[in-house]
Amino acid sequence: MDSFTFTTFSTFKLENVQLRENKKHSILYPYLAYNYIGDILLAFADMTLKRIKKGRKLPL
């Protein structure tokens, strides 16, 4: 197959590499922090909401 498509994760990594190569660290580091911290918080929120929906106790 001749076509190539990027996944969301590969696009994210490509953007990180491009920002680093272009020495745009003032953009790169907050971008990484917001993405990784945001992903963890959203995953935790998802687990919490699913527990509430099922009537279980919260993990805290």
PDB file of N, CA and C in Angstrom:
ATOM      1  N   MET A   1       0.853  -1.173   0.000  1.00  0.00           N
ATOM      2  CA  MET A   1       0.000   0.000   0.000  1.00  0.00           C
ATOM      3  C   MET A   1       0.901   1.239   0.000  1.00  0.00           C
ATOM      4  N   ASP A   2       0.607   2.210  -0.845  1.00  0.00           N
ATOM      5  CA  ASP A   2       1.443   3.387  -1.006  1.00  0.00           C
ATOM      6  C   ASP A   2       1.107   4.528  -0.060  1.00  0.00           C
ATOM      7  N   SER A   3      -0.060   4.524   0.521  1.00  0.00           N
ATOM      8  CA  SER A   3      -0.443   5.648   1.371  1.00  0.00           C
ATOM      9  C   SER A   3       0.073   5.438   2.793  1.00  0.00           C
ATOM     10  N   PHE A   4       0.339   6.549   3.464  1.00  0.00           N
ATOM     11  CA  PHE A   4       0.815   6.518   4.846  1.00  0.00           C
ATOM     12  C   PHE A   4      -0.018   7.491   5.650  1.00  0.00           C
ATOM     13  N   THR A   5      -0.539   7.039   6.767  1.00  0.00           N
ATOM     14  CA  THR A   5      -1.345   7.921   7.608  1.00  0.00           C
ATOM     15  C   THR A   5      -0.739   7.989   8.998  1.00  0.00           C
ATOM     16  N   PHE A   6      -0.904   9.123   9.640  1.00  0.00           N
ATOM     17  CA  PHE A   6      -0.420   9.317  10.988  1.00  0.00           C
ATOM     18  C   PHE A   6      -1.542   9.022  11.974  1.00  0.00           C
ATOM     19  N   THR A   7      -1.174   8.419  13.090  1.00  0.00           N
ATOM     20  CA  THR A   7      -2.114   8.283  14.190  1.00  0.00           C
ATOM     21  C   THR A   7      -2.040   9.561  15.018  1.00  0.00           C
ATOM     22  N   THR A   8      -2.939   9.704  15.943  1.00  0.00           N
ATOM     23  CA  THR A   8      -2.908  10.877  16.817  1.00  0.00           C
ATOM     24  C   THR A   8      -1.591  10.924  17.582  1.00  0.00           C
ATOM     25  N   PHE A   9      -1.147   9.765  18.092  1.00  0.00           N
ATOM     26  CA  PHE A   9       0.081   9.726  18.877  1.00  0.00           C
ATOM     27  C   PHE A   9       1.299  10.031  18.013  1.00  0.00           C
ATOM     28  N   SER A  10       1.353   9.494  16.794  1.00  0.00           N
ATOM     29  CA  SER A  10       2.516   9.763  15.950  1.00  0.00           C
ATOM     30  C   SER A  10       2.571  11.226  15.533  1.00  0.00           C
ATOM     31  N   THR A  11       1.432  11.851  15.335  1.00  0.00           N
ATOM     32  CA  THR A  11       1.396  13.278  15.023  1.00  0.00           C
ATOM     33  C   THR A  11       1.880  14.090  16.217  1.00  0.00           C
ATOM     34  N   PHE A  12       1.463  13.714  17.407  1.00  0.00           N
ATOM     35  CA  PHE A  12       1.897  14.376  18.634  1.00  0.00           C
ATOM     36  C   PHE A  12       3.414  14.279  18.773  1.00  0.00           C
ATOM     37  N   LYS A  13       3.978  13.087  18.560  1.00  0.00           N
ATOM     38  CA  LYS A  13       5.421  12.906  18.670  1.00  0.00           C
ATOM     39  C   LYS A  13       6.159  13.693  17.583  1.00  0.00           C
ATOM     40  N   LEU A  14       5.624  13.709  16.384  1.00  0.00           N
ATOM     41  CA  LEU A  14       6.246  14.473  15.297  1.00  0.00           C
ATOM     42  C   LEU A  14       6.288  15.957  15.637  1.00  0.00           C
ATOM     43  N   GLU A  15       5.206  16.481  16.179  1.00  0.00           N
ATOM     44  CA  GLU A  15       5.184  17.891  16.583  1.00  0.00           C
ATOM     45  C   GLU A  15       6.239  18.157  17.647  1.00  0.00           C
ATOM     46  N   ASN A  16       6.397  17.236  18.598  1.00  0.00           N
ATOM     47  CA  ASN A  16       7.410  17.391  19.641  1.00  0.00           C
ATOM     48  C   ASN A  16       8.812  17.435  19.051  1.00  0.00           C
ATOM     49  N   VAL A  17       9.090  16.542  18.124  1.00  0.00           N
ATOM     50  CA  VAL A  17      10.409  16.502  17.492  1.00  0.00           C
ATOM     51  C   VAL A  17      10.664  17.788  16.712  1.00  0.00           C
ATOM     52  N   GLN A  18       9.657  18.245  15.983  1.00  0.00           N
ATOM     53  CA  GLN A  18       9.818  19.475  15.198  1.00  0.00           C
ATOM     54  C   GLN A  18      10.053  20.684  16.100  1.00  0.00           C
ATOM     55  N   LEU A  19       9.325  20.781  17.200  1.00  0.00           N
ATOM     56  CA  LEU A  19       9.534  21.893  18.133  1.00  0.00           C
ATOM     57  C   LEU A  19      10.933  21.840  18.738  1.00  0.00           C
ATOM     58  N   ARG A  20      11.389  20.634  19.080  1.00  0.00           N
ATOM     59  CA  ARG A  20      12.728  20.496  19.654  1.00  0.00           C
ATOM     60  C   ARG A  20      13.811  20.842  18.632  1.00  0.00           C
ATOM     61  N   GLU A  21      13.661  20.362  17.400  1.00  0.00           N
ATOM     62  CA  GLU A  21      14.649  20.645  16.356  1.00  0.00           C
ATOM     63  C   GLU A  21      14.715  22.131  16.034  1.00  0.00           C
ATOM     64  N   ASN A  22      13.570  22.815  16.133  1.00  0.00           N
ATOM     65  CA  ASN A  22      13.528  24.251  15.854  1.00  0.00           C
ATOM     66  C   ASN A  22      13.840  25.091  17.095  1.00  0.00           C
ATOM     67  N   LYS A  23      14.248  24.407  18.174  1.00  0.00           N
ATOM     68  CA  LYS A  23      14.640  25.059  19.425  1.00  0.00           C
ATOM     69  C   LYS A  23      13.548  25.977  19.986  1.00  0.00           C
ATOM     70  N   LYS A  24      12.315  25.511  19.897  1.00  0.00           N
ATOM     71  CA  LYS A  24      11.178  26.257  20.447  1.00  0.00           C
ATOM     72  C   LYS A  24      10.784  25.644  21.788  1.00  0.00           C
ATOM     73  N   HIS A  25      11.751  25.653  22.704  1.00  0.00           N
ATOM     74  CA  HIS A  25      11.554  25.016  24.001  1.00  0.00           C
ATOM     75  C   HIS A  25      10.487  25.708  24.833  1.00  0.00           C
ATOM     76  N   SER A  26      10.302  27.002  24.645  1.00  0.00           N
ATOM     77  CA  SER A  26       9.282  27.720  25.415  1.00  0.00           C
ATOM     78  C   SER A  26       7.870  27.268  25.031  1.00  0.00           C
ATOM     79  N   ILE A  27       7.733  26.681  23.878  1.00  0.00           N
ATOM     80  CA  ILE A  27       6.447  26.113  23.451  1.00  0.00           C
ATOM     81  C   ILE A  27       6.404  24.624  23.778  1.00  0.00           C
ATOM     82  N   LEU A  28       7.512  23.937  23.554  1.00  0.00           N
ATOM     83  CA  LEU A  28       7.574  22.480  23.704  1.00  0.00           C
ATOM     84  C   LEU A  28       7.253  22.006  25.124  1.00  0.00           C
ATOM     85  N   TYR A  29       7.934  22.573  26.127  1.00  0.00           N
ATOM     86  CA  TYR A  29       7.777  22.056  27.492  1.00  0.00           C
ATOM     87  C   TYR A  29       6.372  22.255  28.057  1.00  0.00           C
ATOM     88  N   PRO A  30       5.765  23.432  27.911  1.00  0.00           N
ATOM     89  CA  PRO A  30       4.369  23.540  28.379  1.00  0.00           C
ATOM     90  C   PRO A  30       3.419  22.630  27.594  1.00  0.00           C
ATOM     91  N   TYR A  31       3.663  22.485  26.303  1.00  0.00           N
ATOM     92  CA  TYR A  31       2.847  21.620  25.451  1.00  0.00           C
ATOM     93  C   TYR A  31       2.913  20.177  25.955  1.00  0.00           C
ATOM     94  N   LEU A  32       4.106  19.698  26.249  1.00  0.00           N
ATOM     95  CA  LEU A  32       4.258  18.339  26.781  1.00  0.00           C
ATOM     96  C   LEU A  32       3.588  18.201  28.137  1.00  0.00           C
ATOM     97  N   ALA A  33       3.827  19.164  29.009  1.00  0.00           N
ATOM     98  CA  ALA A  33       3.251  19.100  30.357  1.00  0.00           C
ATOM     99  C   ALA A  33       1.735  19.095  30.318  1.00  0.00           C
ATOM    100  N   TYR A  34       1.157  20.002  29.565  1.00  0.00           N
ATOM    101  CA  TYR A  34      -0.309  20.071  29.494  1.00  0.00           C
ATOM    102  C   TYR A  34      -0.895  18.798  28.903  1.00  0.00           C
ATOM    103  N   ASN A  35      -0.245  18.243  27.897  1.00  0.00           N
ATOM    104  CA  ASN A  35      -0.774  17.033  27.282  1.00  0.00           C
ATOM    105  C   ASN A  35      -0.693  15.830  28.202  1.00  0.00           C
ATOM    106  N   TYR A  36       0.475  15.595  28.788  1.00  0.00           N
ATOM    107  CA  TYR A  36       0.617  14.412  29.640  1.00  0.00           C
ATOM    108  C   TYR A  36      -0.182  14.541  30.932  1.00  0.00           C
ATOM    109  N   ILE A  37      -0.110  15.691  31.587  1.00  0.00           N
ATOM    110  CA  ILE A  37      -0.878  15.887  32.822  1.00  0.00           C
ATOM    111  C   ILE A  37      -2.374  15.870  32.524  1.00  0.00           C
ATOM    112  N   GLY A  38      -2.771  16.508  31.441  1.00  0.00           N
ATOM    113  CA  GLY A  38      -4.180  16.520  31.052  1.00  0.00           C
ATOM    114  C   GLY A  38      -4.705  15.128  30.758  1.00  0.00           C
ATOM    115  N   ASP A  39      -3.891  14.307  30.080  1.00  0.00           N
ATOM    116  CA  ASP A  39      -4.314  12.933  29.779  1.00  0.00           C
ATOM    117  C   ASP A  39      -4.532  12.128  31.053  1.00  0.00           C
ATOM    118  N   ILE A  40      -3.620  12.270  32.006  1.00  0.00           N
ATOM    119  CA  ILE A  40      -3.754  11.534  33.262  1.00  0.00           C
ATOM    120  C   ILE A  40      -4.997  11.985  34.018  1.00  0.00           C
ATOM    121  N   LEU A  41      -5.218  13.299  34.080  1.00  0.00           N
ATOM    122  CA  LEU A  41      -6.401  13.819  34.780  1.00  0.00           C
ATOM    123  C   LEU A  41      -7.697  13.372  34.110  1.00  0.00           C
ATOM    124  N   LEU A  42      -7.722  13.389  32.800  1.00  0.00           N
ATOM    125  CA  LEU A  42      -8.930  12.947  32.088  1.00  0.00           C
ATOM    126  C   LEU A  42      -9.178  11.451  32.273  1.00  0.00           C
ATOM    127  N   ALA A  43      -8.123  10.655  32.299  1.00  0.00           N
ATOM    128  CA  ALA A  43      -8.282   9.213  32.543  1.00  0.00           C
ATOM    129  C   ALA A  43      -8.834   8.973  33.944  1.00  0.00           C
ATOM    130  N   PHE A  44      -8.313   9.702  34.924  1.00  0.00           N
ATOM    131  CA  PHE A  44      -8.808   9.573  36.298  1.00  0.00           C
ATOM    132  C   PHE A  44     -10.272  10.009  36.386  1.00  0.00           C
ATOM    133  N   ALA A  45     -10.622  11.106  35.722  1.00  0.00           N
ATOM    134  CA  ALA A  45     -12.008  11.576  35.720  1.00  0.00           C
ATOM    135  C   ALA A  45     -12.929  10.540  35.086  1.00  0.00           C
ATOM    136  N   ASP A  46     -12.472   9.908  34.012  1.00  0.00           N
ATOM    137  CA  ASP A  46     -13.266   8.881  33.348  1.00  0.00           C
ATOM    138  C   ASP A  46     -13.512   7.692  34.275  1.00  0.00           C
ATOM    139  N   MET A  47     -12.461   7.238  34.955  1.00  0.00           N
ATOM    140  CA  MET A  47     -12.619   6.121  35.884  1.00  0.00           C
ATOM    141  C   MET A  47     -13.561   6.487  37.028  1.00  0.00           C
ATOM    142  N   THR A  48     -13.435   7.712  37.526  1.00  0.00           N
ATOM    143  CA  THR A  48     -14.277   8.157  38.630  1.00  0.00           C
ATOM    144  C   THR A  48     -15.740   8.226  38.207  1.00  0.00           C
ATOM    145  N   LEU A  49     -15.994   8.797  37.043  1.00  0.00           N
ATOM    146  CA  LEU A  49     -17.376   8.905  36.559  1.00  0.00           C
ATOM    147  C   LEU A  49     -17.992   7.531  36.303  1.00  0.00           C
ATOM    148  N   LYS A  50     -17.207   6.597  35.818  1.00  0.00           N
ATOM    149  CA  LYS A  50     -17.721   5.241  35.598  1.00  0.00           C
ATOM    150  C   LYS A  50     -18.076   4.573  36.926  1.00  0.00           C
ATOM    151  N   ARG A  51     -17.248   4.804  37.964  1.00  0.00           N
ATOM    152  CA  ARG A  51     -17.554   4.239  39.283  1.00  0.00           C
ATOM    153  C   ARG A  51     -18.821   4.856  39.852  1.00  0.00           C
ATOM    154  N   ILE A  52     -18.992   6.160  39.696  1.00  0.00           N
ATOM    155  CA  ILE A  52     -20.193   6.835  40.189  1.00  0.00           C
ATOM    156  C   ILE A  52     -21.425   6.286  39.474  1.00  0.00           C
ATOM    157  N   LYS A  53     -21.290   6.112  38.167  1.00  0.00           N
ATOM    158  CA  LYS A  53     -22.413   5.607  37.369  1.00  0.00           C
ATOM    159  C   LYS A  53     -22.827   4.204  37.812  1.00  0.00           C
ATOM    160  N   LYS A  54     -21.857   3.379  38.211  1.00  0.00           N
ATOM    161  CA  LYS A  54     -22.152   2.017  38.651  1.00  0.00           C
ATOM    162  C   LYS A  54     -22.496   1.944  40.132  1.00  0.00           C
ATOM    163  N   GLY A  55     -22.443   3.081  40.837  1.00  0.00           N
ATOM    164  CA  GLY A  55     -22.796   3.109  42.253  1.00  0.00           C
ATOM    165  C   GLY A  55     -21.720   2.600  43.176  1.00  0.00           C
ATOM    166  N   ARG A  56     -20.470   2.570  42.721  1.00  0.00           N
ATOM    167  CA  ARG A  56     -19.368   2.105  43.564  1.00  0.00           C
ATOM    168  C   ARG A  56     -18.751   3.276  44.321  1.00  0.00           C
ATOM    169  N   LYS A  57     -17.944   2.940  45.333  1.00  0.00           N
ATOM    170  CA  LYS A  57     -17.244   3.954  46.092  1.00  0.00           C
ATOM    171  C   LYS A  57     -16.133   4.567  45.237  1.00  0.00           C
ATOM    172  N   LEU A  58     -15.838   5.827  45.527  1.00  0.00           N
ATOM    173  CA  LEU A  58     -14.760   6.494  44.820  1.00  0.00           C
ATOM    174  C   LEU A  58     -13.407   5.994  45.311  1.00  0.00           C
ATOM    175  N   PRO A  59     -12.372   6.013  44.466  1.00  0.00           N
ATOM    176  CA  PRO A  59     -11.073   5.476  44.855  1.00  0.00           C
ATOM    177  C   PRO A  59     -10.314   6.313  45.856  1.00  0.00           C
ATOM    178  N   LEU A  60     -10.802   7.469  46.257  1.00  0.00           N
ATOM    179  CA  LEU A  60     -10.071   8.325  47.185  1.00  0.00           C
ATOM    180  C   LEU A  60     -10.440   8.032  48.610  1.00  0.00           C
TER     181      LEU A  60
END
